[in-house]
C-alpha cells in the first residue's frame, strides 16, 4: 500500500527498461517502486549536488537567504 504522504503518478516506461529495473530491485532486495525512487534520488543528487537532494521521502529542505 502506498504511503499517504507520497505523491503517486502514472509512469509509461519501456518494458525492457522496466524488466531491468525489476531485476536490479530484486538483486538489491527492494521493490521495483522503491528502486525507481532510489534511482531518481541518485540521479537528482548527481545532477544538482548531494546537499540539495533529500535523503529519504519527504520534502526537500530549503536554505534561507541571509
PDB file of N, CA and C in Angstrom:
ATOM      1  N   UNK A   1       0.836  -1.180   0.000  1.00  0.00           N
ATOM      2  CA  UNK A   1       0.000   0.000   0.000  1.00  0.00           C
ATOM      3  C   UNK A   1       0.883   1.247   0.000  1.00  0.00           C
ATOM      4  N   UNK A   2       0.491   2.229  -0.769  1.00  0.00           N
ATOM      5  CA  UNK A   2       1.273   3.459  -0.888  1.00  0.00           C
ATOM      6  C   UNK A   2       1.194   4.277   0.393  1.00  0.00           C
ATOM      7  N   UNK A   3       2.274   4.947   0.710  1.00  0.00           N
ATOM      8  CA  UNK A   3       2.302   5.837   1.864  1.00  0.00           C
ATOM      9  C   UNK A   3       1.432   7.050   1.572  1.00  0.00           C
ATOM     10  N   UNK A   4       0.629   7.497   2.533  1.00  0.00           N
ATOM     11  CA  UNK A   4      -0.258   8.636   2.274  1.00  0.00           C
ATOM     12  C   UNK A   4       0.484   9.946   2.046  1.00  0.00           C
ATOM     13  N   UNK A   5       1.724  10.050   2.497  1.00  0.00           N
ATOM     14  CA  UNK A   5       2.472  11.297   2.341  1.00  0.00           C
ATOM     15  C   UNK A   5       3.303  11.348   1.067  1.00  0.00           C
ATOM     16  N   UNK A   6       3.195  10.337   0.224  1.00  0.00           N
ATOM     17  CA  UNK A   6       3.962  10.322  -1.022  1.00  0.00           C
ATOM     18  C   UNK A   6       3.050  10.598  -2.210  1.00  0.00           C
ATOM     19  N   UNK A   7       3.580  11.290  -3.188  1.00  0.00           N
ATOM     20  CA  UNK A   7       2.874  11.606  -4.417  1.00  0.00           C
ATOM     21  C   UNK A   7       2.876  10.378  -5.312  1.00  0.00           C
ATOM     22  N   UNK A   8       1.732  10.007  -5.844  1.00  0.00           N
ATOM     23  CA  UNK A   8       1.672   8.901  -6.792  1.00  0.00           C
ATOM     24  C   UNK A   8       1.320   9.456  -8.175  1.00  0.00           C
ATOM     25  N   UNK A   9       1.836   8.793  -9.205  1.00  0.00           N
ATOM     26  CA  UNK A   9       1.557   9.214 -10.567  1.00  0.00           C
ATOM     27  C   UNK A   9       1.766   8.038 -11.509  1.00  0.00           C
ATOM     28  N   UNK A  10       1.131   8.106 -12.650  1.00  0.00           N
ATOM     29  CA  UNK A  10       1.285   7.061 -13.667  1.00  0.00           C
ATOM     30  C   UNK A  10       2.577   7.320 -14.442  1.00  0.00           C
ATOM     31  N   UNK A  11       3.286   6.260 -14.760  1.00  0.00           N
ATOM     32  CA  UNK A  11       4.538   6.377 -15.496  1.00  0.00           C
ATOM     33  C   UNK A  11       4.523   5.373 -16.645  1.00  0.00           C
ATOM     34  N   UNK A  12       4.670   5.868 -17.849  1.00  0.00           N
ATOM     35  CA  UNK A  12       4.785   4.982 -19.004  1.00  0.00           C
ATOM     36  C   UNK A  12       6.270   4.723 -19.209  1.00  0.00           C
ATOM     37  N   UNK A  13       6.638   3.446 -19.250  1.00  0.00           N
ATOM     38  CA  UNK A  13       8.049   3.096 -19.328  1.00  0.00           C
ATOM     39  C   UNK A  13       8.228   1.914 -20.270  1.00  0.00           C
ATOM     40  N   UNK A  14       9.321   1.907 -20.974  1.00  0.00           N
ATOM     41  CA  UNK A  14       9.640   0.830 -21.906  1.00  0.00           C
ATOM     42  C   UNK A  14       9.694  -0.507 -21.151  1.00  0.00           C
ATOM     43  N   UNK A  15       9.058  -1.544 -21.680  1.00  0.00           N
ATOM     44  CA  UNK A  15       9.044  -2.843 -20.989  1.00  0.00           C
ATOM     45  C   UNK A  15      10.436  -3.424 -20.741  1.00  0.00           C
ATOM     46  N   UNK A  16      11.363  -3.194 -21.628  1.00  0.00           N
ATOM     47  CA  UNK A  16      12.727  -3.698 -21.444  1.00  0.00           C
ATOM     48  C   UNK A  16      13.394  -2.985 -20.270  1.00  0.00           C
ATOM     49  N   UNK A  17      13.220  -1.672 -20.197  1.00  0.00           N
ATOM     50  CA  UNK A  17      13.780  -0.910 -19.083  1.00  0.00           C
ATOM     51  C   UNK A  17      13.131  -1.344 -17.771  1.00  0.00           C
ATOM     52  N   UNK A  18      11.807  -1.556 -17.773  1.00  0.00           N
ATOM     53  CA  UNK A  18      11.117  -1.985 -16.559  1.00  0.00           C
ATOM     54  C   UNK A  18      11.642  -3.345 -16.084  1.00  0.00           C
ATOM     55  N   UNK A  19      11.884  -4.248 -17.006  1.00  0.00           N
ATOM     56  CA  UNK A  19      12.426  -5.564 -16.650  1.00  0.00           C
ATOM     57  C   UNK A  19      13.813  -5.412 -16.013  1.00  0.00           C
ATOM     58  N   UNK A  20      14.620  -4.502 -16.539  1.00  0.00           N
ATOM     59  CA  UNK A  20      15.939  -4.255 -15.953  1.00  0.00           C
ATOM     60  C   UNK A  20      15.811  -3.685 -14.546  1.00  0.00           C
ATOM     61  N   UNK A  21      14.869  -2.781 -14.355  1.00  0.00           N
ATOM     62  CA  UNK A  21      14.644  -2.203 -13.029  1.00  0.00           C
ATOM     63  C   UNK A  21      14.191  -3.279 -12.057  1.00  0.00           C
ATOM     64  N   UNK A  22      13.300  -4.158 -12.496  1.00  0.00           N
ATOM     65  CA  UNK A  22      12.837  -5.241 -11.627  1.00  0.00           C
ATOM     66  C   UNK A  22      13.970  -6.178 -11.235  1.00  0.00           C
ATOM     67  N   UNK A  23      14.842  -6.511 -12.180  1.00  0.00           N
ATOM     68  CA  UNK A  23      15.990  -7.375 -11.858  1.00  0.00           C
ATOM     69  C   UNK A  23      16.939  -6.692 -10.883  1.00  0.00           C
ATOM     70  N   UNK A  24      17.222  -5.426 -11.121  1.00  0.00           N
ATOM     71  CA  UNK A  24      18.086  -4.668 -10.233  1.00  0.00           C
ATOM     72  C   UNK A  24      17.471  -4.570  -8.832  1.00  0.00           C
ATOM     73  N   UNK A  25      16.181  -4.297  -8.775  1.00  0.00           N
ATOM     74  CA  UNK A  25      15.484  -4.207  -7.494  1.00  0.00           C
ATOM     75  C   UNK A  25      15.570  -5.526  -6.738  1.00  0.00           C
ATOM     76  N   UNK A  26      15.356  -6.623  -7.422  1.00  0.00           N
ATOM     77  CA  UNK A  26      15.423  -7.934  -6.772  1.00  0.00           C
ATOM     78  C   UNK A  26      16.826  -8.205  -6.242  1.00  0.00           C
ATOM     79  N   UNK A  27      17.831  -7.826  -6.984  1.00  0.00           N
ATOM     80  CA  UNK A  27      19.204  -8.077  -6.547  1.00  0.00           C
ATOM     81  C   UNK A  27      19.589  -7.204  -5.348  1.00  0.00           C
ATOM     82  N   UNK A  28      18.904  -6.065  -5.183  1.00  0.00           N
ATOM     83  CA  UNK A  28      19.186  -5.158  -4.068  1.00  0.00           C
ATOM     84  C   UNK A  28      18.116  -5.230  -2.989  1.00  0.00           C
ATOM     85  N   UNK A  29      17.256  -6.251  -3.078  1.00  0.00           N
ATOM     86  CA  UNK A  29      16.208  -6.501  -2.085  1.00  0.00           C
ATOM     87  C   UNK A  29      15.284  -5.306  -1.882  1.00  0.00           C
ATOM     88  N   UNK A  30      14.863  -4.708  -3.000  1.00  0.00           N
ATOM     89  CA  UNK A  30      13.906  -3.601  -2.978  1.00  0.00           C
ATOM     90  C   UNK A  30      12.731  -3.963  -3.860  1.00  0.00           C
ATOM     91  N   UNK A  31      11.619  -3.280  -3.653  1.00  0.00           N
ATOM     92  CA  UNK A  31      10.517  -3.383  -4.603  1.00  0.00           C
ATOM     93  C   UNK A  31      10.904  -2.580  -5.851  1.00  0.00           C
ATOM     94  N   UNK A  32      10.227  -2.838  -6.948  1.00  0.00           N
ATOM     95  CA  UNK A  32      10.508  -2.077  -8.167  1.00  0.00           C
ATOM     96  C   UNK A  32      10.212  -0.592  -7.937  1.00  0.00           C
ATOM     97  N   UNK A  33       9.138  -0.287  -7.198  1.00  0.00           N
ATOM     98  CA  UNK A  33       8.805   1.103  -6.903  1.00  0.00           C
ATOM     99  C   UNK A  33       9.910   1.769  -6.091  1.00  0.00           C
ATOM    100  N   UNK A  34      10.390   1.085  -5.056  1.00  0.00           N
ATOM    101  CA  UNK A  34      11.469   1.640  -4.235  1.00  0.00           C
ATOM    102  C   UNK A  34      12.741   1.808  -5.056  1.00  0.00           C
ATOM    103  N   UNK A  35      12.981   0.905  -6.004  1.00  0.00           N
ATOM    104  CA  UNK A  35      14.160   1.007  -6.852  1.00  0.00           C
ATOM    105  C   UNK A  35      14.070   2.229  -7.755  1.00  0.00           C
ATOM    106  N   UNK A  36      12.903   2.482  -8.319  1.00  0.00           N
ATOM    107  CA  UNK A  36      12.721   3.663  -9.166  1.00  0.00           C
ATOM    108  C   UNK A  36      12.961   4.925  -8.340  1.00  0.00           C
ATOM    109  N   UNK A  37      12.400   4.961  -7.131  1.00  0.00           N
ATOM    110  CA  UNK A  37      12.602   6.127  -6.266  1.00  0.00           C
ATOM    111  C   UNK A  37      14.083   6.299  -5.910  1.00  0.00           C
ATOM    112  N   UNK A  38      14.762   5.203  -5.613  1.00  0.00           N
ATOM    113  CA  UNK A  38      16.193   5.244  -5.305  1.00  0.00           C
ATOM    114  C   UNK A  38      16.987   5.771  -6.507  1.00  0.00           C
ATOM    115  N   UNK A  39      16.706   5.249  -7.682  1.00  0.00           N
ATOM    116  CA  UNK A  39      17.429   5.682  -8.884  1.00  0.00           C
ATOM    117  C   UNK A  39      17.175   7.157  -9.190  1.00  0.00           C
ATOM    118  N   UNK A  40      15.941   7.601  -9.012  1.00  0.00           N
ATOM    119  CA  UNK A  40      15.635   9.013  -9.229  1.00  0.00           C
ATOM    120  C   UNK A  40      16.370   9.895  -8.227  1.00  0.00           C
ATOM    121  N   UNK A  41      16.389   9.479  -6.965  1.00  0.00           N
ATOM    122  CA  UNK A  41      17.091  10.253  -5.935  1.00  0.00           C
ATOM    123  C   UNK A  41      18.581  10.340  -6.259  1.00  0.00           C
ATOM    124  N   UNK A  42      19.175   9.236  -6.669  1.00  0.00           N
ATOM    125  CA  UNK A  42      20.595   9.243  -7.039  1.00  0.00           C
ATOM    126  C   UNK A  42      20.846  10.146  -8.240  1.00  0.00           C
ATOM    127  N   UNK A  43      19.957  10.124  -9.210  1.00  0.00           N
ATOM    128  CA  UNK A  43      20.118  10.979 -10.390  1.00  0.00           C
ATOM    129  C   UNK A  43      20.025  12.455 -10.014  1.00  0.00           C
ATOM    130  N   UNK A  44      19.107  12.788  -9.109  1.00  0.00           N
ATOM    131  CA  UNK A  44      18.966  14.180  -8.666  1.00  0.00           C
ATOM    132  C   UNK A  44      20.219  14.611  -7.921  1.00  0.00           C
ATOM    133  N   UNK A  45      20.725  13.750  -7.037  1.00  0.00           N
ATOM    134  CA  UNK A  45      21.970  14.083  -6.320  1.00  0.00           C
ATOM    135  C   UNK A  45      23.114  14.337  -7.284  1.00  0.00           C
ATOM    136  N   UNK A  46      23.237  13.489  -8.285  1.00  0.00           N
ATOM    137  CA  UNK A  46      24.313  13.643  -9.268  1.00  0.00           C
ATOM    138  C   UNK A  46      24.136  14.924 -10.077  1.00  0.00           C
ATOM    139  N   UNK A  47      22.897  15.285 -10.306  1.00  0.00           N
ATOM    140  CA  UNK A  47      22.614  16.442 -11.154  1.00  0.00           C
ATOM    141  C   UNK A  47      22.743  17.768 -10.419  1.00  0.00           C
ATOM    142  N   UNK A  48      22.225  17.827  -9.196  1.00  0.00           N
ATOM    143  CA  UNK A  48      22.204  19.116  -8.503  1.00  0.00           C
ATOM    144  C   UNK A  48      23.077  19.158  -7.261  1.00  0.00           C
ATOM    145  N   UNK A  49      23.657  18.052  -6.894  1.00  0.00           N
ATOM    146  CA  UNK A  49      24.549  18.018  -5.749  1.00  0.00           C
ATOM    147  C   UNK A  49      23.917  17.351  -4.543  1.00  0.00           C
ATOM    148  N   UNK A  50      24.740  16.705  -3.760  1.00  0.00           N
ATOM    149  CA  UNK A  50      24.274  15.916  -2.626  1.00  0.00           C
ATOM    150  C   UNK A  50      23.587  16.757  -1.563  1.00  0.00           C
ATOM    151  N   UNK A  51      23.997  17.998  -1.366  1.00  0.00           N
ATOM    152  CA  UNK A  51      23.415  18.829  -0.310  1.00  0.00           C
ATOM    153  C   UNK A  51      21.991  19.255  -0.616  1.00  0.00           C
ATOM    154  N   UNK A  52      21.615  19.307  -1.898  1.00  0.00           N
ATOM    155  CA  UNK A  52      20.291  19.796  -2.269  1.00  0.00           C
ATOM    156  C   UNK A  52      19.242  18.696  -2.341  1.00  0.00           C
ATOM    157  N   UNK A  53      19.642  17.449  -2.515  1.00  0.00           N
ATOM    158  CA  UNK A  53      18.692  16.361  -2.678  1.00  0.00           C
ATOM    159  C   UNK A  53      18.273  15.811  -1.326  1.00  0.00           C
ATOM    160  N   UNK A  54      16.985  15.493  -1.167  1.00  0.00           N
ATOM    161  CA  UNK A  54      16.543  14.913   0.097  1.00  0.00           C
ATOM    162  C   UNK A  54      17.127  13.520   0.305  1.00  0.00           C
ATOM    163  N   UNK A  55      17.402  13.170   1.552  1.00  0.00           N
ATOM    164  CA  UNK A  55      17.954  11.857   1.890  1.00  0.00           C
ATOM    165  C   UNK A  55      16.931  10.751   1.712  1.00  0.00           C
ATOM    166  N   UNK A  56      15.709  11.003   2.120  1.00  0.00           N
ATOM    167  CA  UNK A  56      14.664   9.994   2.012  1.00  0.00           C
ATOM    168  C   UNK A  56      13.380  10.702   1.641  1.00  0.00           C
ATOM    169  N   UNK A  57      12.275   9.991   1.706  1.00  0.00           N
ATOM    170  CA  UNK A  57      10.997  10.581   1.362  1.00  0.00           C
ATOM    171  C   UNK A  57      10.754  11.849   2.152  1.00  0.00           C
ATOM    172  N   UNK A  58       9.907  12.672   1.648  1.00  0.00           N
ATOM    173  CA  UNK A  58       9.621  13.917   2.332  1.00  0.00           C
ATOM    174  C   UNK A  58      10.071  15.102   1.515  1.00  0.00           C
ATOM    175  N   UNK A  59       9.725  16.250   1.979  1.00  0.00           N
ATOM    176  CA  UNK A  59      10.029  17.474   1.248  1.00  0.00           C
ATOM    177  C   UNK A  59      11.505  17.820   1.358  1.00  0.00           C
ATOM    178  N   UNK A  60      12.090  18.326   0.283  1.00  0.00           N
ATOM    179  CA  UNK A  60      13.476  18.765   0.345  1.00  0.00           C
ATOM    180  C   UNK A  60      13.608  19.968   1.271  1.00  0.00           C
ATOM    181  N   UNK A  61      14.748  20.109   1.887  1.00  0.00           N
ATOM    182  CA  UNK A  61      14.970  21.266   2.746  1.00  0.00           C
ATOM    183  C   UNK A  61      15.409  22.437   1.887  1.00  0.00           C
ATOM    184  N   UNK A  62      15.055  23.619   2.326  1.00  0.00           N
ATOM    185  CA  UNK A  62      15.433  24.823   1.599  1.00  0.00           C
ATOM    186  C   UNK A  62      16.352  25.656   2.456  1.00  0.00           C
ATOM    187  N   UNK A  63      17.334  26.263   1.818  1.00  0.00           N
ATOM    188  CA  UNK A  63      18.204  27.184   2.536  1.00  0.00           C
ATOM    189  C   UNK A  63      17.528  28.540   2.582  1.00  0.00           C
ATOM    190  N   UNK A  64      17.593  29.184   3.735  1.00  0.00           N
ATOM    191  CA  UNK A  64      17.042  30.515   3.868  1.00  0.00           C
ATOM    192  C   UNK A  64      18.080  31.540   3.449  1.00  0.00           C
ATOM    193  N   UNK A  65      17.615  32.584   2.805  1.00  0.00           N
ATOM    194  CA  UNK A  65      18.524  33.648   2.389  1.00  0.00           C
ATOM    195  C   UNK A  65      19.042  34.377   3.611  1.00  0.00           C
ATOM    196  N   UNK A  66      20.318  34.767   3.524  1.00  0.00           N
ATOM    197  CA  UNK A  66      20.858  35.578   4.606  1.00  0.00           C
ATOM    198  C   UNK A  66      21.823  34.910   5.387  1.00  0.00           C
TER     199      UNK A  66
END
